[in-house]
Protein backbone atom coordinates (compact mmCIF):
# COMPACT_ATOMS: atom_id res chain seq x y z
CA GLN A 1 13.16 13.39 -26.05
CA ALA A 2 15.97 14.63 -28.13
CA GLN A 3 14.36 13.13 -31.25
CA ALA A 4 11.01 14.88 -30.58
CA GLN A 5 12.91 18.19 -30.13
CA GLU A 6 14.76 17.77 -33.40
CA LEU A 7 11.58 16.88 -35.29
CA ALA A 8 9.81 20.02 -33.79
CA GLU A 9 12.59 22.19 -34.87
CA GLN A 10 12.40 20.61 -38.44
CA LYS A 11 8.71 21.24 -38.30
CA ALA A 12 9.20 24.92 -37.43
CA LEU A 13 11.62 25.31 -40.45
CA ALA A 14 9.20 23.62 -42.79
CA VAL A 15 6.38 25.97 -41.55
CA ALA A 16 8.59 29.04 -42.04
CA SER A 17 9.46 28.00 -45.47
CA ARG A 18 5.87 27.22 -46.18
CA ALA A 19 6.40 23.52 -46.76
CA PHE A 20 3.10 22.73 -45.22
CA ARG A 21 2.93 18.99 -46.59
CA GLU A 22 6.43 18.45 -44.93
CA ALA A 23 5.30 20.22 -41.70
CA GLY A 24 2.12 17.82 -41.72
CA ARG A 25 4.47 14.75 -42.05
CA LEU A 26 6.57 15.78 -39.22
CA THR A 27 3.58 16.75 -37.09
CA ALA A 28 2.28 13.08 -37.60
CA GLU A 29 5.92 11.65 -36.86
CA ILE A 30 5.94 13.79 -33.61
CA LYS A 31 2.54 12.47 -32.56
CA GLU A 32 3.52 8.86 -33.40
CA LEU A 33 6.88 9.36 -31.33
CA ALA A 34 4.84 10.82 -28.37
CA ALA A 35 2.41 7.81 -28.56
CA ARG A 36 5.26 5.40 -28.56
CA ALA A 37 6.80 7.26 -25.60
CA ASP A 38 3.46 7.13 -23.80
CA ALA A 39 3.03 3.37 -24.42
CA LEU A 40 6.69 2.66 -23.17
CA GLU A 41 6.00 4.70 -20.04
CA ALA A 42 2.93 2.72 -19.48
CA LYS A 43 4.75 -0.48 -19.89
CA ARG A 44 7.40 0.84 -17.58
CA GLU A 45 4.88 1.62 -14.91
CA THR A 46 3.18 -1.84 -15.46
CA ALA A 47 6.51 -3.56 -14.94
CA ALA A 48 7.37 -1.49 -11.99
CA ALA A 49 4.11 -2.48 -10.30
CA GLU A 50 4.66 -6.19 -11.10
CA LEU A 51 8.09 -5.94 -9.70
CA THR A 52 6.97 -4.42 -6.54
CA ALA A 53 4.21 -7.05 -6.35
CA THR A 54 6.70 -9.92 -6.92
CA LYS A 55 9.14 -8.56 -4.31
CA LEU A 56 6.33 -8.43 -1.86
CA GLY A 57 5.26 -12.02 -2.78
CA LEU A 58 8.93 -13.10 -2.34
CA ARG A 59 9.07 -11.57 1.18
CA VAL A 60 5.84 -13.37 2.21
CA LEU A 61 7.16 -16.74 0.72
CA ASP A 62 10.52 -16.23 2.53
CA ALA A 63 8.56 -15.52 5.72
CA ALA A 64 6.56 -18.65 5.18
CA ARG A 65 9.75 -20.62 4.51
CA ILE A 66 11.30 -19.60 7.81
CA GLU A 67 8.24 -20.49 9.66
CA ALA A 68 8.04 -23.96 8.14
CA ALA A 69 11.68 -24.62 8.85
CA ALA A 70 11.04 -23.55 12.44
CA ASP A 71 7.93 -25.88 12.39
CA ALA A 72 9.91 -28.79 10.86
CA ALA A 73 12.59 -28.38 13.48
CA ASP A 74 10.01 -28.45 16.35
CA CYS A 75 8.67 -31.61 14.65
CA ARG A 76 11.96 -33.19 14.48
CA ARG A 77 12.64 -32.51 18.09
CA SER A 78 9.18 -33.76 19.09
CA LEU A 79 9.67 -37.07 16.94
CA ASP A 80 13.33 -37.40 18.42
CA ARG A 81 11.74 -37.30 21.91
CA ALA A 82 8.92 -39.76 20.92
CA LEU A 83 11.57 -42.07 19.42
CA CYS A 84 13.85 -42.01 22.38
CA ASP A 85 10.86 -42.74 24.81
CA THR A 86 9.73 -45.64 22.62
CA LEU A 87 13.29 -47.06 22.52
CA ARG A 88 13.73 -46.71 26.23
CA ARG A 89 10.48 -48.60 26.80
CA HIS A 90 11.54 -51.41 24.45
CA LEU A 91 15.00 -51.64 26.10
CA ARG A 92 13.36 -51.81 29.33
CA GLY A 93 11.17 -54.53 28.03
CA ALA A 94 13.91 -56.43 26.50
CA ARG A 95 15.94 -56.20 29.92
CA ALA A 96 12.92 -57.46 31.81
CA GLN A 97 12.63 -60.39 29.38
CA LEU A 98 16.19 -61.11 29.52
CA ALA A 99 16.16 -61.08 33.33
CA ALA A 100 13.07 -63.28 33.37
CA PHE A 101 14.79 -65.71 31.06
CA SER A 102 18.04 -65.59 32.73
CA GLY A 103 16.02 -66.38 36.03
CA THR A 104 14.19 -69.30 34.39
CA ALA A 105 17.29 -70.65 32.81
CA ALA A 106 19.30 -70.45 36.20
CA ALA A 107 16.35 -72.19 38.06
CA SER A 108 16.30 -74.92 35.31
CA GLU A 109 20.07 -75.51 35.73
CA SER A 110 19.89 -75.68 39.48
CA SER A 111 16.90 -78.18 39.51
CA GLY A 112 18.87 -80.90 37.69
CA GLY A 113 19.82 -79.42 34.30
CA GLU A 114 23.49 -80.74 35.10
CA GLY A 115 22.55 -84.46 34.49
CA GLY A 116 25.12 -85.86 32.06
CA GLY A 117 24.46 -87.65 28.93
CA ASP A 118 26.82 -90.58 29.44
């Protein structure tokens, strides 16, 4: 902005001193400077829009991450319950087998399993 103001002042001096070639060169430079400023503003606006979209995307992803973590915790609790139920069933079955085996072994011993091997 300051550079454009300085060029405009130089152009006014060139026109006043009837240096039209210099005034034309300064006019071209002012136009080029304005075009670069417009291009930079357009890039800034594009970058700002991309930043806004990226921030929104990050919020969406963060919400999805939180939801996935909650779902994973629910799943772990469900699996833990299922595992505990399965282990309890196996333990009951093992105890039943042990009781049956112990009962069979005790019956076998009482019916003559004490015979010596002299």
